[in-house]
Structure formats: C-alpha cells, structure tokens
Protein backbone atom coordinates (compact mmCIF):
# COMPACT_ATOMS: atom_id res chain seq x y z
CA UNK A 1 41.53 154.42 96.18
CA UNK A 2 45.04 153.79 97.74
CA UNK A 3 47.83 153.31 95.30
CA UNK A 4 47.35 150.13 93.17
CA UNK A 5 49.61 147.13 93.55
CA UNK A 6 50.99 145.49 90.47
CA UNK A 7 50.60 141.59 90.25
CA UNK A 8 52.72 139.43 87.94
CA UNK A 9 52.57 135.63 87.56
CA UNK A 10 55.32 133.96 88.96
CA UNK A 11 55.57 131.73 86.05
CA UNK A 12 57.76 134.73 84.80
CA UNK A 13 60.33 134.42 87.70
CA UNK A 14 60.40 130.69 87.76
CA UNK A 15 59.97 129.76 83.86
CA UNK A 16 63.71 129.51 82.44
CA UNK A 17 62.58 130.98 78.95
CA UNK A 18 60.78 134.13 80.92
CA UNK A 19 63.08 134.80 83.75
CA UNK A 20 65.66 137.12 81.73
CA UNK A 21 62.49 139.30 81.06
CA UNK A 22 61.38 139.25 84.30
CA UNK A 23 64.77 140.42 85.57
CA UNK A 24 64.92 143.19 83.23
CA UNK A 25 61.25 144.39 83.97
CA UNK A 26 61.53 144.17 87.85
CA UNK A 27 64.84 145.88 87.60
CA UNK A 28 63.41 148.98 86.13
CA UNK A 29 60.34 148.67 88.28
CA UNK A 30 62.56 148.91 91.54
CA UNK A 31 64.52 151.73 90.13
CA UNK A 32 61.17 153.63 90.37
CA UNK A 33 60.06 152.33 93.48
CA UNK A 34 57.17 150.44 92.09
CA UNK A 35 55.64 147.68 94.34
CA UNK A 36 54.60 144.33 92.99
CA UNK A 37 53.28 140.98 94.13
CA UNK A 38 53.85 137.48 92.29
CA UNK A 39 50.64 135.23 91.93
CA UNK A 40 51.26 131.86 92.45
CA UNK A 41 49.08 128.81 90.96
CA UNK A 42 48.17 130.72 87.71
CA UNK A 43 48.35 128.43 84.64
CA UNK A 44 49.89 131.00 82.37
CA UNK A 45 51.68 134.43 82.40
CA UNK A 46 48.66 136.67 80.92
CA UNK A 47 47.28 137.96 84.33
CA UNK A 48 45.34 140.96 82.33
CA UNK A 49 42.99 138.28 80.63
CA UNK A 50 41.89 136.17 83.43
CA UNK A 51 41.79 138.28 86.47
CA UNK A 52 38.70 140.60 87.37
CA UNK A 53 38.25 143.95 86.02
CA UNK A 54 37.61 147.13 88.27
CA UNK A 55 34.71 149.07 87.16
CA UNK A 56 34.14 152.58 87.35
CA UNK A 57 32.68 152.39 90.61
CA UNK A 58 35.76 150.42 92.18
CA UNK A 59 34.01 146.97 92.26
CA UNK A 60 35.86 144.16 90.77
CA UNK A 61 34.22 142.12 88.21
CA UNK A 62 35.08 138.48 87.11
CA UNK A 63 34.07 137.75 83.58
CA UNK A 64 34.34 133.89 82.46
CA UNK A 65 37.63 133.24 81.01
CA UNK A 66 37.00 130.72 78.34
CA UNK A 67 38.38 132.10 75.23
CA UNK A 68 37.96 130.31 71.76
CA UNK A 69 41.75 130.31 71.37
CA UNK A 70 42.19 128.04 74.35
CA UNK A 71 39.89 125.59 73.20
CA UNK A 72 41.00 122.23 73.94
CA UNK A 73 43.86 123.53 76.15
CA UNK A 74 42.47 123.59 79.36
CA UNK A 75 45.42 123.08 81.28
CA UNK A 76 46.43 126.63 80.15
CA UNK A 77 43.29 128.04 81.44
CA UNK A 78 43.91 129.68 84.91
CA UNK A 79 40.92 129.70 87.66
CA UNK A 80 41.00 132.94 89.83
CA UNK A 81 39.11 131.07 92.50
CA UNK A 82 42.22 129.06 93.19
CA UNK A 83 44.07 132.12 94.36
CA UNK A 84 42.02 135.34 94.68
CA UNK A 85 40.78 134.45 98.23
CA UNK A 86 44.12 134.84 99.75
CA UNK A 87 44.33 138.25 98.17
CA UNK A 88 41.29 139.24 99.78
CA UNK A 89 39.40 140.12 96.72
CA UNK A 90 35.82 138.83 96.33
CA UNK A 91 34.52 140.18 92.83
CA UNK A 92 30.98 140.06 91.52
CA UNK A 93 30.95 137.29 88.82
CA UNK A 94 29.55 137.91 85.52
CA UNK A 95 28.55 134.92 83.25
CA UNK A 96 29.76 136.45 80.08
CA UNK A 97 32.96 135.64 77.98
CA UNK A 98 35.29 138.42 78.20
CA UNK A 99 39.33 138.73 78.25
CA UNK A 100 40.59 141.33 80.42
CA UNK A 101 43.02 142.32 77.59
CA UNK A 102 40.03 142.86 75.27
CA UNK A 103 38.56 145.93 77.48
CA UNK A 104 40.71 149.24 77.81
CA UNK A 105 38.84 151.53 80.22
CA UNK A 106 39.53 155.23 80.95
CA UNK A 107 37.05 157.06 83.41
CA UNK A 108 33.42 156.10 82.40
CA UNK A 109 34.45 154.78 78.92
CA UNK A 110 35.68 151.51 77.83
CA UNK A 111 36.67 150.05 74.31
CA UNK A 112 36.19 146.55 73.52
CA UNK A 113 36.59 144.52 70.24
CA UNK A 114 33.73 142.57 68.43
CA UNK A 115 35.49 139.42 69.26
CA UNK A 116 33.16 139.47 72.50
CA UNK A 117 30.16 139.02 70.05
CA UNK A 118 31.70 135.65 68.46
CA UNK A 119 32.81 134.36 72.03
CA UNK A 120 29.17 134.78 73.38
CA UNK A 121 27.43 133.91 69.85
CA UNK A 122 24.51 132.48 71.83
CA UNK A 123 23.66 136.00 73.15
CA UNK A 124 22.05 139.19 71.47
CA UNK A 125 24.89 141.82 70.84
CA UNK A 126 22.58 144.42 72.79
CA UNK A 127 22.26 142.25 75.66
CA UNK A 128 26.04 141.72 75.61
CA UNK A 129 26.80 145.40 75.50
CA UNK A 130 24.28 146.49 78.01
CA UNK A 131 25.67 143.52 80.50
CA UNK A 132 29.05 144.89 80.38
CA UNK A 133 27.87 148.41 80.59
CA UNK A 134 25.94 147.67 83.77
CA UNK A 135 28.39 145.54 85.32
CA UNK A 136 31.23 147.84 84.97
CA UNK A 137 28.91 151.04 85.68
CA UNK A 138 29.98 152.54 81.92
CA UNK A 139 28.83 155.70 80.73
CA UNK A 140 29.52 154.33 77.08
CA UNK A 141 31.19 151.10 75.45
CA UNK A 142 32.73 151.47 72.11
CA UNK A 143 32.89 148.20 70.06
CA UNK A 144 35.76 148.39 67.63
CA UNK A 145 36.44 145.55 65.01
CA UNK A 146 39.07 142.93 65.55
CA UNK A 147 41.89 141.83 63.21
CA UNK A 148 39.98 138.69 61.00
CA UNK A 149 43.63 137.41 60.17
CA UNK A 150 45.95 135.06 62.08
CA UNK A 151 48.05 137.98 63.00
CA UNK A 152 46.43 138.51 66.22
CA UNK A 153 44.28 135.24 67.52
CA UNK A 154 43.00 136.87 70.68
CA UNK A 155 41.54 139.79 68.90
CA UNK A 156 42.14 142.13 72.18
CA UNK A 157 41.59 145.65 71.97
CA UNK A 158 44.83 146.44 74.05
CA UNK A 159 46.91 145.19 70.97
CA UNK A 160 45.21 147.98 68.84
CA UNK A 161 44.66 151.00 70.87
CA UNK A 162 45.11 152.74 74.16
CA UNK A 163 43.60 156.00 75.79
CA UNK A 164 45.76 159.04 76.10
CA UNK A 165 43.16 160.98 77.82
CA UNK A 166 39.44 161.88 78.10
CA UNK A 167 39.54 163.18 74.24
CA UNK A 168 42.36 161.33 72.86
CA UNK A 169 43.13 157.64 71.76
CA UNK A 170 46.32 156.21 70.82
CA UNK A 171 45.84 153.93 67.73
CA UNK A 172 48.39 151.42 66.91
CA UNK A 173 50.27 151.00 63.42
CA UNK A 174 49.22 147.65 61.64
CA UNK A 175 50.61 145.12 59.59
CA UNK A 176 50.37 146.25 55.78
CA UNK A 177 47.99 143.40 55.32
CA UNK A 178 45.70 144.87 58.15
CA UNK A 179 45.64 148.54 56.89
CA UNK A 180 41.87 148.30 56.27
CA UNK A 181 41.19 147.23 59.79
CA UNK A 182 43.16 150.41 60.91
CA UNK A 183 40.89 152.53 58.91
CA UNK A 184 37.77 150.89 60.33
CA UNK A 185 38.87 151.50 63.76
CA UNK A 186 39.93 155.02 63.10
CA UNK A 187 36.35 155.87 61.91
CA UNK A 188 34.73 154.06 65.12
CA UNK A 189 36.69 156.13 67.17
CA UNK A 190 36.17 159.48 65.24
CA UNK A 191 32.45 158.97 65.01
CA UNK A 192 32.45 158.99 68.96
CA UNK A 193 34.30 162.05 69.14
CA UNK A 194 37.81 160.93 69.90
CA UNK A 195 40.68 162.57 68.16
CA UNK A 196 42.81 159.52 66.95
CA UNK A 197 46.50 159.94 67.40
CA UNK A 198 48.43 157.37 65.23
CA UNK A 199 51.51 155.64 66.38
CA UNK A 200 53.66 154.97 63.58
CA UNK A 201 56.73 152.74 62.77
CA UNK A 202 58.87 152.46 59.70
CA UNK A 203 57.74 150.09 57.21
CA UNK A 204 61.00 148.04 57.56
CA UNK A 205 59.74 146.91 61.14
CA UNK A 206 57.41 144.51 59.43
CA UNK A 207 59.89 142.70 57.35
CA UNK A 208 60.78 140.86 60.59
CA UNK A 209 57.72 141.46 62.92
CA UNK A 210 53.97 141.09 62.48
CA UNK A 211 52.86 143.43 65.30
CA UNK A 212 54.16 146.69 66.87
CA UNK A 213 54.12 145.50 70.41
CA UNK A 214 54.73 149.11 71.93
CA UNK A 215 51.11 149.68 72.14
CA UNK A 216 50.67 147.05 74.68
CA UNK A 217 52.69 148.96 77.52
CA UNK A 218 52.07 149.01 81.26
CA UNK A 219 51.13 152.28 82.61
CA UNK A 220 51.76 153.19 86.31
CA UNK A 221 51.42 156.64 88.02
CA UNK A 222 54.76 157.66 86.90
CA UNK A 223 55.96 155.79 84.03
CA UNK A 224 55.03 154.07 80.94
CA UNK A 225 57.02 150.76 80.64
CA UNK A 226 57.08 149.90 76.91
CA UNK A 227 57.64 146.73 75.31
CA UNK A 228 60.37 146.60 72.39
CA UNK A 229 61.89 143.88 70.56
CA UNK A 230 65.45 145.79 69.97
CA UNK A 231 65.05 146.93 66.30
CA UNK A 232 66.50 150.16 64.96
CA UNK A 233 62.83 151.42 64.13
CA UNK A 234 61.72 151.57 67.86
CA UNK A 235 63.64 154.55 69.04
CA UNK A 236 61.41 156.76 66.77
CA UNK A 237 58.26 154.97 68.26
CA UNK A 238 59.64 155.61 71.97
CA UNK A 239 60.11 159.66 70.89
CA UNK A 240 56.39 159.51 69.97
CA UNK A 241 55.10 158.07 73.10
CA UNK A 242 57.04 160.79 74.84
CA UNK A 243 55.22 163.54 73.16
CA UNK A 244 52.03 161.86 73.77
CA UNK A 245 52.52 161.05 77.19
CA UNK A 246 54.64 164.29 78.49
CA UNK A 247 53.97 163.50 81.95
CA UNK A 248 55.47 160.09 82.08
CA UNK A 249 58.81 158.63 82.20
CA UNK A 250 59.14 156.39 79.04
CA UNK A 251 61.00 153.14 79.89
CA UNK A 252 61.68 150.66 77.30
CA UNK A 253 61.64 146.85 78.25
CA UNK A 254 63.19 144.34 75.94
CA UNK A 255 60.24 141.85 75.92
CA UNK A 256 61.11 139.47 73.26
CA UNK A 257 60.81 136.30 75.43
CA UNK A 258 56.94 137.21 75.89
CA UNK A 259 56.11 138.72 72.70
CA UNK A 260 57.15 135.88 70.89
CA UNK A 261 54.04 133.91 72.74
CA UNK A 262 51.57 136.68 71.78
CA UNK A 263 51.47 139.34 74.14
CA UNK A 264 53.48 142.19 76.06
CA UNK A 265 53.56 144.17 79.23
CA UNK A 266 49.69 145.11 79.56
CA UNK A 267 49.25 141.50 79.14
CA UNK A 268 51.23 140.17 82.02
CA UNK A 269 50.35 142.97 84.34
CA UNK A 270 47.45 143.26 86.71
CA UNK A 271 46.62 145.66 89.54
CA UNK A 272 44.93 145.35 92.97
CA UNK A 273 43.07 148.51 93.62
CA UNK A 274 42.22 149.05 97.53
CA UNK A 275 39.78 151.57 98.79
CA UNK A 276 41.30 153.80 101.64
CA UNK A 277 39.51 153.31 104.69
C-alpha cells in the first residue's frame, strides 16, 4: 500500500473551541511533512469511531455506528455515506455495532473491549467474535474488559492499551479507582503471550485528571504524536514512550480542548490507505 493519508474533521478547524488545538496539531504535522485532509459534513470530531476499519487484507469495513452513549443524540452521529463516496472509498458493510476506537490492530491481531458484547446484546458472543474476525481477516481477536465506571463512557480499547510490536503491548496507567481493571486487562494479554509494558504516571496526576490521555496517541510512519494536558507529571510519561518506541520521534501536543470532551489524538484521526497500482 502507498503511504496513508491522515483525515481530520473540519470541525477541528472551524469550531472556535477546537481551533487552537487544530493549529497546534497541524503545525507539528507540517513540520514533519505529514499530509492531511479535512472531511466536511461530519457531525462530530471523532473520525476514528465512525469511519471504516481497514482489515488485514486491506479492505475497508464499515461497522454500524450506533453507540449506546449517543442514544437520543442522533444529531451527533455521523453518517459516513454522506462523505465517503467523494473519497473514492467503497467499504464492505457489517451489520454489527462497533466503534473504530474500540478496535486496535497490529498485523493479524486485534484487541477489542467487551463493550462490543453489550452493544450487540441481541447476538451470541461467539457469533460477534467470529463476525469481526472474518470481516477483518484476523488471525486472532483478543477481548479485554472495559471500565464499568463513569470514567470512560465509551469503553474503547484505544484508551487502555496500544501495540508496540508483535510481542509487546503498552498498557495505560489507570485511575486509582480502576486498578482492578488494569490487572484484569494485563492478565488477558499475558495469557495470550504478550509481554505487557505498563505506562506509569505519578499519582499526583490523578488529583486533577481521571484519565492518562497519552495512550491515545496518533502514530505515523515517523512519529508518535502524544496528547498531553500540560501537567508536570507528563514529562516522565513522554520519556517512557521514547524508550518503548525508539524508532519514532515523540511529539507532544497540548490537547486539552478535545480531551475535555472525552477523547484524544487517536480518536480524532483516521487514515485512508491506497493500494499501489
């Protein structure tokens, strides 16, 4: 495949509250020669969640975007069919409710939180797993528990862990009230032979914040764009990421404007993959 093209919602540029974040982020993208495109007609900024997922074979798959946390808020639910045609993308459709942010992939392996079961409670769990595996042509699908508290209403996997490589998974630090969840996720990942690398932050961070947003980075070929909130504790987190991703430049992005609304850099980003002719 050719180099992917980063896509962002035009809301980031055009909405007064998000515009400062957009300028900071795109300034750093521009410095590194990254290319991006703005998508018009989206209904919110979380492109990762409502746009198709590219499977192992390179085919985009569009899942149903009807998350429970948007029940009664239909005006915020983007409809990809309103803008995907102009991008020249014709995904396969899967009649299964799944947000893109609840699916992290590496090679033929994917991780999804068990939120997918409650979102599709009318289906058998084995059927759900097999449908995702088949549609995305996966070798294996790993199910991790999601946060049952109000700290994360989405239950998305990309707020809890990320792949480093074929053998290592980065596990986020968790609010003190969710430490049992952290241990449960770690056990699931170790049981399927991953080495789990914990991302750690000083406990003082949680006096003002519920979530360590750095885990929700955007990864390009050359860099990790890491969301930060400007606290004194995050410098150590950035140094940890430098050790775990030695081939990538670590670029911190002040993301307070979007984090306050429940997401960060992976959430707002999406990529178009084109096959080389």
